[in-house]
Amino acid sequence: MKRPRAPELGPGDLVAVRLRPEAYAIVWVTSAGTDGYTVFVMDGCWPGPPSADDARTARPARCPHPIDLPGYDDVWKGWFHGRVPRDFEVVGNRTPDETLAAVAANATGTMVFGTGERLRDGLLFTWRLTNDRAALDAEIAARQARAAAKQTARRAALTLPKLLRERLFADWSEHVSPGVLRAVRRIFRDATKDLIALERKGTPRERAAVLKRITTELNALDDGEGFIETVEREQLVERIEELARVVKQTNKDERLTGHRDW
């Protein structure tokens, strides 16, 4: 039996998204192109596949984290790109009114999901906050405990050669260009090699200079590419601090990263 073809989405399409066998959501495509899809998440959830009438009468949902947007202050707007999941089903089509069209055209407040599957994950998480909260909280607590134990063990065994072999920021490939990702990895690779060279005879001042250089080079790269947002910033600083701990340095009061522009 052939699997259904992935749908092709166009502006105005109302799309049913299966979250669980007993839970479906609707998103409204406001733009579609080679750069991806912008959607409004619609209010409500359906116990089975929503009908055309469900799609036609649904309204944009309130944003879980309201942002002041012109004309419609808390529409839940998102973006994803790449292949559309095969089970995303177009159940209707309608054009946004002028107010909503203005919001759709504004990049401010758009939640970047990355892929269609991550859009589904985000919608499911929101659904579970209301409908499956106890199980969700238990899963999160167990996951955090496992992650903390793993991180503790990892830190205890860290060395510069091990850090040099790690493939950095693999999850960035969905939203950062290959050239930028290669450049970031090169910055950290070069710094790690220099720290290895300083392990025996280097001074604390020399090691600190290498660590500070990472931020200086990232400043220059971000100035041209504009790729560092909240998540990237946190991961970059965390990596610098990992290197610092191994060579007995500290980033207290951002002494190593305080000159960052991001």
Protein backbone atom coordinates (compact mmCIF):
# COMPACT_ATOMS: atom_id res chain seq x y z
CA MET A 1 0.00 0.00 0.00
CA LYS A 2 1.43 3.34 -1.07
CA ARG A 3 1.86 6.03 1.54
CA PRO A 4 -0.05 9.26 0.79
CA ARG A 5 1.98 12.00 -0.82
CA ALA A 6 3.03 14.92 1.33
CA PRO A 7 0.54 17.77 0.81
CA GLU A 8 1.51 20.96 -0.92
CA LEU A 9 0.27 23.93 1.07
CA GLY A 10 -0.76 27.31 -0.28
CA PRO A 11 -1.83 30.67 1.18
CA GLY A 12 -5.18 30.44 2.93
CA ASP A 13 -5.14 26.67 3.42
CA LEU A 14 -6.64 25.41 6.67
CA VAL A 15 -4.68 22.34 7.71
CA ALA A 16 -5.64 19.60 10.17
CA VAL A 17 -2.67 18.47 12.29
CA ARG A 18 -2.95 15.13 14.09
CA LEU A 19 -1.50 15.40 17.59
CA ARG A 20 -2.78 12.10 19.00
CA PRO A 21 -5.48 9.68 17.89
CA GLU A 22 -7.89 11.65 20.10
CA ALA A 23 -6.57 15.15 19.43
CA TYR A 24 -6.37 17.27 16.27
CA ALA A 25 -5.46 20.93 15.76
CA ILE A 26 -5.89 23.34 12.85
CA VAL A 27 -3.32 25.77 11.46
CA TRP A 28 -4.07 28.45 8.87
CA VAL A 29 -1.38 29.03 6.24
CA THR A 30 -0.84 32.76 5.71
CA SER A 31 2.19 32.53 3.42
CA ALA A 32 3.86 29.72 1.50
CA GLY A 33 7.04 29.78 -0.55
CA THR A 34 10.50 28.40 -1.00
CA ASP A 35 11.50 29.92 2.35
CA GLY A 36 8.78 28.04 4.25
CA TYR A 37 5.30 28.49 5.68
CA THR A 38 3.86 31.04 8.09
CA VAL A 39 0.75 29.86 9.93
CA PHE A 40 -1.77 30.97 12.49
CA VAL A 41 -2.59 28.34 15.10
CA MET A 42 -6.37 28.15 15.39
CA ASP A 43 -8.33 28.11 18.62
CA GLY A 44 -9.65 24.78 19.86
CA CYS A 45 -8.89 21.09 19.58
CA TRP A 46 -10.94 18.31 18.00
CA PRO A 47 -11.32 14.68 19.17
CA GLY A 48 -11.23 13.49 15.57
CA PRO A 49 -10.32 14.89 12.15
CA PRO A 50 -11.86 18.38 11.97
CA SER A 51 -14.43 19.01 9.27
CA ALA A 52 -14.56 21.81 6.72
CA ASP A 53 -17.16 23.52 8.94
CA ASP A 54 -14.79 23.27 11.93
CA ALA A 55 -12.02 24.87 9.89
CA ARG A 56 -14.26 27.59 8.48
CA THR A 57 -15.53 28.76 11.89
CA ALA A 58 -12.27 28.46 13.88
CA ARG A 59 -10.51 31.68 14.84
CA PRO A 60 -6.81 32.32 15.52
CA ALA A 61 -5.75 31.18 18.98
CA ARG A 62 -4.27 33.41 21.65
CA CYS A 63 -0.48 33.22 21.82
CA PRO A 64 0.80 31.21 24.82
CA HIS A 65 3.29 34.06 25.37
CA PRO A 66 1.43 37.21 24.25
CA ILE A 67 3.44 39.76 22.32
CA ASP A 68 2.24 43.23 21.39
CA LEU A 69 1.46 42.93 17.69
CA PRO A 70 -0.18 45.67 15.61
CA GLY A 71 -3.90 45.20 15.09
CA TYR A 72 -4.26 41.87 16.86
CA ASP A 73 -2.21 41.77 20.01
CA ASP A 74 -1.81 38.09 20.78
CA VAL A 75 -2.33 35.93 17.69
CA TRP A 76 -0.39 32.66 17.89
CA LYS A 77 1.76 32.78 14.76
CA GLY A 78 4.44 30.30 13.76
CA TRP A 79 6.83 29.40 10.96
CA PHE A 80 8.27 26.15 9.64
CA HIS A 81 10.02 24.97 6.51
CA GLY A 82 10.93 21.80 4.67
CA ARG A 83 8.77 18.81 3.84
CA VAL A 84 5.17 18.96 5.00
CA PRO A 85 4.27 15.82 7.03
CA ARG A 86 2.15 13.41 5.03
CA ASP A 87 -0.70 13.41 7.53
CA PHE A 88 -1.16 17.20 7.46
CA GLU A 89 -4.55 17.39 5.71
CA VAL A 90 -5.96 20.47 3.97
CA VAL A 91 -9.59 20.76 5.12
CA GLY A 92 -10.47 24.21 3.81
CA ASN A 93 -9.22 27.55 2.54
CA ARG A 94 -9.96 31.15 3.37
CA THR A 95 -8.26 34.53 3.06
CA PRO A 96 -7.34 36.47 6.24
CA ASP A 97 -9.14 39.77 6.73
CA GLU A 98 -7.10 42.97 6.48
CA THR A 99 -6.19 43.06 10.17
CA LEU A 100 -4.99 39.47 10.26
CA ALA A 101 -3.19 39.88 6.93
CA ALA A 102 -1.20 42.76 8.45
CA VAL A 103 -0.25 40.57 11.41
CA ALA A 104 0.71 37.72 9.10
CA ALA A 105 3.07 40.01 7.17
CA ASN A 106 4.85 41.16 10.35
CA ALA A 107 7.81 39.01 11.37
CA THR A 108 7.57 40.21 14.98
CA GLY A 109 6.21 37.59 17.34
CA THR A 110 6.51 34.65 14.96
CA MET A 111 7.43 31.43 16.78
CA VAL A 112 10.04 29.51 14.78
CA PHE A 113 9.24 25.80 14.93
CA GLY A 114 11.80 24.78 12.30
CA THR A 115 10.00 21.82 10.74
CA GLY A 116 6.45 20.59 10.38
CA GLU A 117 7.10 17.87 12.95
CA ARG A 118 8.36 20.44 15.43
CA LEU A 119 5.21 22.46 14.83
CA ARG A 120 3.23 19.34 15.71
CA ASP A 121 5.36 18.83 18.84
CA GLY A 122 4.72 22.41 19.96
CA LEU A 123 0.97 22.06 19.49
CA LEU A 124 0.94 18.71 21.30
CA PHE A 125 2.89 20.17 24.23
CA THR A 126 0.35 22.98 24.57
CA TRP A 127 -2.53 20.49 24.38
CA ARG A 128 -0.95 18.33 27.09
CA LEU A 129 -0.56 21.30 29.45
CA THR A 130 -4.36 21.30 29.74
CA ASN A 131 -5.36 17.73 28.98
CA ASP A 132 -2.49 15.53 30.18
CA ARG A 133 -0.68 17.69 32.74
CA ALA A 134 0.18 15.11 35.40
CA ALA A 135 1.82 12.71 32.95
CA LEU A 136 3.58 15.60 31.18
CA ASP A 137 5.02 16.94 34.45
CA ALA A 138 6.24 13.47 35.41
CA GLU A 139 7.93 13.03 32.02
CA ILE A 140 9.62 16.43 32.27
CA ALA A 141 10.88 15.74 35.80
CA ALA A 142 12.28 12.34 34.80
CA ARG A 143 13.93 13.79 31.70
CA GLN A 144 15.51 16.62 33.71
CA ALA A 145 16.86 14.16 36.28
CA ARG A 146 18.41 11.98 33.58
CA ALA A 147 19.91 15.02 31.86
CA ALA A 148 21.37 16.32 35.13
CA ALA A 149 22.97 12.97 35.95
CA LYS A 150 24.38 12.69 32.45
CA GLN A 151 25.77 16.22 32.56
CA THR A 152 27.40 15.61 35.95
CA ALA A 153 29.11 12.47 34.65
CA ARG A 154 30.16 14.23 31.46
CA ARG A 155 31.72 17.18 33.28
CA ALA A 156 33.69 14.86 35.55
CA ALA A 157 35.26 13.16 32.53
CA LEU A 158 35.81 16.20 30.28
CA THR A 159 39.18 16.82 28.67
CA LEU A 160 40.22 19.16 25.89
CA PRO A 161 40.81 16.29 23.41
CA LYS A 162 37.29 15.01 24.12
CA LEU A 163 35.84 18.46 23.58
CA LEU A 164 37.79 18.75 20.34
CA ARG A 165 36.17 15.57 18.99
CA GLU A 166 32.59 16.60 19.75
CA ARG A 167 30.35 17.66 16.87
CA LEU A 168 29.04 21.02 17.98
CA PHE A 169 25.56 22.47 17.64
CA ALA A 170 24.12 19.66 15.48
CA ASP A 171 20.56 20.93 16.04
CA TRP A 172 21.42 24.23 14.36
CA SER A 173 21.43 22.64 10.90
CA GLU A 174 17.67 23.20 10.64
CA HIS A 175 17.89 26.97 10.86
CA VAL A 176 21.53 28.08 10.45
CA SER A 177 23.28 27.98 7.07
CA PRO A 178 25.98 25.32 6.57
CA GLY A 179 28.64 27.98 6.02
CA VAL A 180 27.87 29.74 9.30
CA LEU A 181 27.79 26.45 11.20
CA ARG A 182 31.17 25.48 9.77
CA ALA A 183 32.58 28.87 10.77
CA VAL A 184 31.31 28.54 14.35
CA ARG A 185 32.76 25.05 14.65
CA ARG A 186 36.09 26.30 13.27
CA ILE A 187 36.22 29.07 15.88
CA PHE A 188 35.78 26.57 18.70
CA ARG A 189 38.07 23.98 17.11
CA ASP A 190 40.91 26.48 16.71
CA ALA A 191 40.48 27.74 20.28
CA THR A 192 40.43 24.20 21.68
CA LYS A 193 43.62 23.32 19.80
CA ASP A 194 45.29 26.45 21.14
CA LEU A 195 44.24 25.55 24.69
CA ILE A 196 45.68 22.06 24.22
CA ALA A 197 48.97 23.64 23.13
CA LEU A 198 48.92 25.76 26.30
CA GLU A 199 48.14 22.87 28.69
CA ARG A 200 51.72 22.37 29.92
CA LYS A 201 53.44 25.73 29.75
CA GLY A 202 50.70 28.25 29.12
CA THR A 203 49.78 30.89 31.67
CA PRO A 204 46.29 31.64 33.02
CA ARG A 205 46.43 34.95 31.18
CA GLU A 206 47.17 33.19 27.86
CA ARG A 207 44.34 30.69 28.38
CA ALA A 208 41.90 33.50 29.21
CA ALA A 209 42.96 35.34 26.04
CA VAL A 210 42.13 32.29 23.91
CA LEU A 211 38.72 31.97 25.55
CA LYS A 212 37.97 35.68 25.09
CA ARG A 213 38.99 35.40 21.44
CA ILE A 214 36.08 33.01 20.84
CA THR A 215 33.60 35.76 21.69
CA THR A 216 35.50 38.33 19.63
CA GLU A 217 35.37 36.08 16.55
CA LEU A 218 31.70 35.25 17.14
CA ASN A 219 30.96 38.99 17.33
CA ALA A 220 32.47 39.46 13.87
CA LEU A 221 30.63 36.46 12.42
CA ASP A 222 27.26 37.47 13.86
CA ASP A 223 27.76 41.06 12.67
CA GLY A 224 27.76 39.77 9.10
CA GLU A 225 25.32 36.86 9.41
CA GLY A 226 22.94 37.80 12.25
CA PHE A 227 22.41 34.21 13.35
CA ILE A 228 22.70 34.41 17.15
CA GLU A 229 19.34 34.47 18.93
CA THR A 230 18.42 33.44 22.49
CA VAL A 231 18.98 29.70 22.11
CA GLU A 232 22.22 30.09 20.20
CA ARG A 233 23.53 32.63 22.74
CA GLU A 234 22.90 30.27 25.64
CA GLN A 235 24.57 27.35 23.88
CA LEU A 236 27.60 29.39 22.84
CA VAL A 237 28.20 30.76 26.34
CA GLU A 238 27.70 27.29 27.82
CA ARG A 239 30.36 25.88 25.47
CA ILE A 240 32.83 28.63 26.33
CA GLU A 241 32.26 27.96 30.02
CA GLU A 242 32.85 24.23 29.50
CA LEU A 243 36.21 24.97 27.93
CA ALA A 244 36.96 27.39 30.76
CA ARG A 245 36.25 24.83 33.49
CA VAL A 246 38.62 22.30 31.92
CA VAL A 247 41.49 24.82 31.94
CA LYS A 248 40.68 26.16 35.43
CA GLN A 249 39.14 29.41 34.23
CA THR A 250 35.80 30.97 35.17
CA ASN A 251 33.28 33.14 33.39
CA LYS A 252 32.05 34.71 36.61
CA ASP A 253 30.61 38.17 35.92
CA GLU A 254 31.14 37.31 32.22
CA ARG A 255 34.85 38.03 32.46
CA LEU A 256 35.36 35.89 29.33
CA THR A 257 32.20 36.76 27.38
CA GLY A 258 31.25 40.22 28.65
CA HIS A 259 32.36 41.88 25.42
CA ARG A 260 29.83 39.96 23.31
CA ASP A 261 27.46 41.88 21.02
CA TRP A 262 24.80 39.19 21.04
